Amino acid sequence: MERHGAKFCAFRGAQIYLPSRRVAIPKAAAIARYEEGESLASLARSFQVSQTTVRRRFTEWGIDTRDAPEAAQVIRPVQRFNR
């Protein structure tokens, strides 16, 4: 049985929900937002998927993700004070 893309399985008289395995993420929007500086975690929250899912899709799409030091620079850029 299938309902709105989700699958239900009858097991010993009860219906068990089996979620769809692949969630659609809008490619162009995700890439644009990431290149503007949004984090993978923020994108994952907005698309209601895990951060691993977003990272995996970016890898499939050939988009390099930021490593930890690069991500920290985007979040907290180095502040320089003039003396």
N, C-alpha and C. Protein backbone atom coordinates (compact mmCIF):
# COMPACT_ATOMS: atom_id res chain seq x y z
N MET A 1 0.84 -1.17 0.00
CA MET A 1 0.00 0.00 0.00
C MET A 1 0.89 1.24 0.00
N GLU A 2 0.49 2.29 -0.71
CA GLU A 2 1.29 3.51 -0.77
C GLU A 2 0.38 4.72 -0.59
N ARG A 3 0.83 5.68 0.22
CA ARG A 3 0.08 6.89 0.50
C ARG A 3 1.02 8.08 0.45
N HIS A 4 0.83 9.00 -0.47
CA HIS A 4 1.63 10.22 -0.59
C HIS A 4 3.12 9.93 -0.61
N GLY A 5 3.53 8.92 -1.34
CA GLY A 5 4.94 8.60 -1.47
C GLY A 5 5.48 7.74 -0.34
N ALA A 6 4.76 7.65 0.78
CA ALA A 6 5.19 6.80 1.88
C ALA A 6 4.62 5.41 1.68
N LYS A 7 5.29 4.44 2.19
CA LYS A 7 4.84 3.07 2.04
C LYS A 7 4.39 2.54 3.39
N PHE A 8 3.34 1.74 3.37
CA PHE A 8 2.86 1.09 4.57
C PHE A 8 2.94 -0.40 4.36
N CYS A 9 3.31 -1.10 5.39
CA CYS A 9 3.48 -2.54 5.30
C CYS A 9 2.62 -3.19 6.39
N ALA A 10 1.88 -4.20 6.02
CA ALA A 10 1.07 -4.92 7.01
C ALA A 10 1.94 -5.99 7.66
N PHE A 11 2.06 -5.93 8.97
CA PHE A 11 2.85 -6.89 9.71
C PHE A 11 2.06 -7.36 10.91
N ARG A 12 1.66 -8.60 10.89
CA ARG A 12 0.87 -9.19 11.97
C ARG A 12 -0.37 -8.36 12.29
N GLY A 13 -1.04 -7.92 11.27
CA GLY A 13 -2.29 -7.19 11.43
C GLY A 13 -2.14 -5.71 11.68
N ALA A 14 -0.92 -5.21 11.89
CA ALA A 14 -0.70 -3.78 12.12
C ALA A 14 -0.04 -3.17 10.90
N GLN A 15 -0.32 -1.91 10.67
CA GLN A 15 0.34 -1.22 9.56
C GLN A 15 1.58 -0.52 10.08
N ILE A 16 2.69 -0.76 9.42
CA ILE A 16 3.95 -0.14 9.79
C ILE A 16 4.31 0.86 8.71
N TYR A 17 4.65 2.07 9.12
CA TYR A 17 5.03 3.13 8.20
C TYR A 17 6.48 2.96 7.76
N LEU A 18 6.71 2.93 6.47
CA LEU A 18 8.05 2.87 5.91
C LEU A 18 8.28 4.16 5.13
N PRO A 19 9.09 5.09 5.64
CA PRO A 19 9.27 6.36 4.95
C PRO A 19 9.94 6.18 3.59
N SER A 20 9.68 7.12 2.70
CA SER A 20 10.36 7.10 1.40
C SER A 20 11.84 7.26 1.63
N ARG A 21 12.64 6.65 0.82
CA ARG A 21 14.08 6.63 1.03
C ARG A 21 14.78 7.89 0.53
N ARG A 22 14.24 8.59 -0.44
CA ARG A 22 14.94 9.73 -1.02
C ARG A 22 14.07 10.98 -0.95
N VAL A 23 14.58 11.99 -0.29
CA VAL A 23 13.88 13.26 -0.15
C VAL A 23 14.40 14.22 -1.21
N ALA A 24 13.51 14.92 -1.87
CA ALA A 24 13.91 15.88 -2.90
C ALA A 24 14.46 17.15 -2.26
N ILE A 25 15.60 17.58 -2.74
CA ILE A 25 16.21 18.84 -2.31
C ILE A 25 16.36 19.69 -3.56
N PRO A 26 15.85 20.93 -3.55
CA PRO A 26 15.98 21.78 -4.74
C PRO A 26 17.44 22.15 -4.98
N LYS A 27 18.00 21.58 -6.02
CA LYS A 27 19.43 21.70 -6.31
C LYS A 27 19.90 23.15 -6.44
N ALA A 28 19.29 23.91 -7.32
CA ALA A 28 19.75 25.28 -7.59
C ALA A 28 19.67 26.14 -6.33
N ALA A 29 18.58 26.03 -5.59
CA ALA A 29 18.41 26.83 -4.37
C ALA A 29 19.42 26.44 -3.31
N ALA A 30 19.64 25.14 -3.13
CA ALA A 30 20.58 24.67 -2.12
C ALA A 30 22.00 25.14 -2.43
N ILE A 31 22.40 25.02 -3.68
CA ILE A 31 23.75 25.43 -4.08
C ILE A 31 23.92 26.94 -3.91
N ALA A 32 22.94 27.71 -4.36
CA ALA A 32 23.03 29.17 -4.26
C ALA A 32 23.14 29.60 -2.80
N ARG A 33 22.31 29.04 -1.95
CA ARG A 33 22.34 29.41 -0.52
C ARG A 33 23.66 29.02 0.12
N TYR A 34 24.21 27.86 -0.24
CA TYR A 34 25.48 27.41 0.31
C TYR A 34 26.62 28.32 -0.14
N GLU A 35 26.61 28.70 -1.41
CA GLU A 35 27.66 29.58 -1.93
C GLU A 35 27.58 30.98 -1.34
N GLU A 36 26.39 31.38 -0.87
CA GLU A 36 26.24 32.68 -0.20
C GLU A 36 26.71 32.63 1.25
N GLY A 37 27.04 31.42 1.74
CA GLY A 37 27.60 31.31 3.07
C GLY A 37 26.76 30.55 4.07
N GLU A 38 25.60 30.06 3.67
CA GLU A 38 24.76 29.30 4.60
C GLU A 38 25.41 27.95 4.90
N SER A 39 25.25 27.48 6.11
CA SER A 39 25.88 26.22 6.52
C SER A 39 25.08 25.01 6.06
N LEU A 40 25.76 23.86 6.04
CA LEU A 40 25.07 22.61 5.72
C LEU A 40 24.00 22.30 6.76
N ALA A 41 24.30 22.59 8.02
CA ALA A 41 23.34 22.34 9.10
C ALA A 41 22.08 23.18 8.91
N SER A 42 22.24 24.42 8.53
CA SER A 42 21.10 25.31 8.31
C SER A 42 20.27 24.84 7.11
N LEU A 43 20.95 24.44 6.05
CA LEU A 43 20.24 23.92 4.89
C LEU A 43 19.48 22.65 5.25
N ALA A 44 20.12 21.78 6.02
CA ALA A 44 19.48 20.52 6.42
C ALA A 44 18.21 20.80 7.22
N ARG A 45 18.27 21.74 8.15
CA ARG A 45 17.07 22.09 8.93
C ARG A 45 15.97 22.62 8.04
N SER A 46 16.30 23.48 7.10
CA SER A 46 15.27 24.08 6.26
C SER A 46 14.64 23.07 5.29
N PHE A 47 15.41 22.06 4.86
CA PHE A 47 14.88 21.03 3.96
C PHE A 47 14.37 19.81 4.72
N GLN A 48 14.47 19.84 6.04
CA GLN A 48 14.01 18.77 6.92
C GLN A 48 14.66 17.42 6.58
N VAL A 49 15.97 17.46 6.43
CA VAL A 49 16.77 16.26 6.22
C VAL A 49 17.99 16.36 7.13
N SER A 50 18.81 15.33 7.15
CA SER A 50 20.02 15.37 7.97
C SER A 50 21.12 16.12 7.23
N GLN A 51 22.09 16.56 8.00
CA GLN A 51 23.24 17.24 7.42
C GLN A 51 24.01 16.28 6.50
N THR A 52 24.03 15.02 6.86
CA THR A 52 24.69 14.00 6.03
C THR A 52 24.02 13.89 4.67
N THR A 53 22.69 13.99 4.64
CA THR A 53 21.96 13.93 3.37
C THR A 53 22.35 15.09 2.47
N VAL A 54 22.42 16.30 3.04
CA VAL A 54 22.80 17.48 2.25
C VAL A 54 24.22 17.32 1.74
N ARG A 55 25.14 16.89 2.61
CA ARG A 55 26.54 16.71 2.19
C ARG A 55 26.63 15.66 1.08
N ARG A 56 25.88 14.57 1.21
CA ARG A 56 25.89 13.51 0.20
C ARG A 56 25.39 14.03 -1.15
N ARG A 57 24.31 14.82 -1.13
CA ARG A 57 23.78 15.38 -2.39
C ARG A 57 24.80 16.31 -3.03
N PHE A 58 25.45 17.15 -2.21
CA PHE A 58 26.45 18.05 -2.77
C PHE A 58 27.58 17.26 -3.43
N THR A 59 27.97 16.16 -2.83
CA THR A 59 28.99 15.31 -3.42
C THR A 59 28.50 14.74 -4.74
N GLU A 60 27.25 14.28 -4.78
CA GLU A 60 26.67 13.76 -6.04
C GLU A 60 26.65 14.83 -7.11
N TRP A 61 26.38 16.07 -6.72
CA TRP A 61 26.28 17.18 -7.67
C TRP A 61 27.64 17.77 -8.03
N GLY A 62 28.71 17.28 -7.41
CA GLY A 62 30.06 17.77 -7.71
C GLY A 62 30.39 19.08 -7.03
N ILE A 63 29.73 19.39 -5.93
CA ILE A 63 29.98 20.63 -5.19
C ILE A 63 30.89 20.32 -4.02
N ASP A 64 32.02 21.03 -3.93
CA ASP A 64 32.93 20.85 -2.80
C ASP A 64 32.36 21.54 -1.58
N THR A 65 32.37 20.83 -0.46
CA THR A 65 31.88 21.43 0.78
C THR A 65 33.05 21.99 1.57
N ARG A 66 32.73 22.94 2.43
CA ARG A 66 33.77 23.57 3.25
C ARG A 66 34.21 22.61 4.35
N ASP A 67 35.52 22.65 4.66
CA ASP A 67 35.99 21.87 5.81
C ASP A 67 35.79 22.72 7.07
N ALA A 68 36.10 22.18 8.22
CA ALA A 68 35.81 22.86 9.48
C ALA A 68 36.44 24.26 9.59
N PRO A 69 37.73 24.45 9.27
CA PRO A 69 38.30 25.80 9.37
C PRO A 69 37.64 26.80 8.41
N GLU A 70 37.32 26.35 7.20
CA GLU A 70 36.64 27.25 6.25
C GLU A 70 35.25 27.61 6.75
N ALA A 71 34.53 26.63 7.29
CA ALA A 71 33.19 26.89 7.81
C ALA A 71 33.24 27.86 8.97
N ALA A 72 34.25 27.74 9.83
CA ALA A 72 34.39 28.66 10.96
C ALA A 72 34.63 30.08 10.47
N GLN A 73 35.37 30.23 9.39
CA GLN A 73 35.62 31.57 8.84
C GLN A 73 34.34 32.19 8.29
N VAL A 74 33.48 31.38 7.72
CA VAL A 74 32.21 31.89 7.20
C VAL A 74 31.32 32.32 8.35
N ILE A 75 31.32 31.52 9.44
CA ILE A 75 30.47 31.82 10.58
C ILE A 75 31.03 33.01 11.37
N ARG A 76 32.33 32.96 11.68
CA ARG A 76 32.96 34.01 12.47
C ARG A 76 34.20 34.52 11.73
N PRO A 77 34.03 35.46 10.82
CA PRO A 77 35.19 35.96 10.09
C PRO A 77 36.19 36.63 11.04
N VAL A 78 37.45 36.60 10.67
CA VAL A 78 38.49 37.20 11.50
C VAL A 78 38.26 38.70 11.55
N GLN A 79 38.23 39.22 12.77
CA GLN A 79 38.03 40.66 12.94
C GLN A 79 39.40 41.31 13.11
N ARG A 80 39.61 42.37 12.38
CA ARG A 80 40.87 43.10 12.48
C ARG A 80 40.56 44.48 13.03
N PHE A 81 41.33 44.87 13.99
CA PHE A 81 41.13 46.17 14.61
C PHE A 81 42.27 47.10 14.23
N ASN A 82 41.92 48.30 13.86
CA ASN A 82 42.93 49.31 13.53
C ASN A 82 43.38 49.96 14.82
N ARG A 83 44.68 50.09 14.97
CA ARG A 83 45.20 50.75 16.19
C ARG A 83 45.83 52.04 15.84
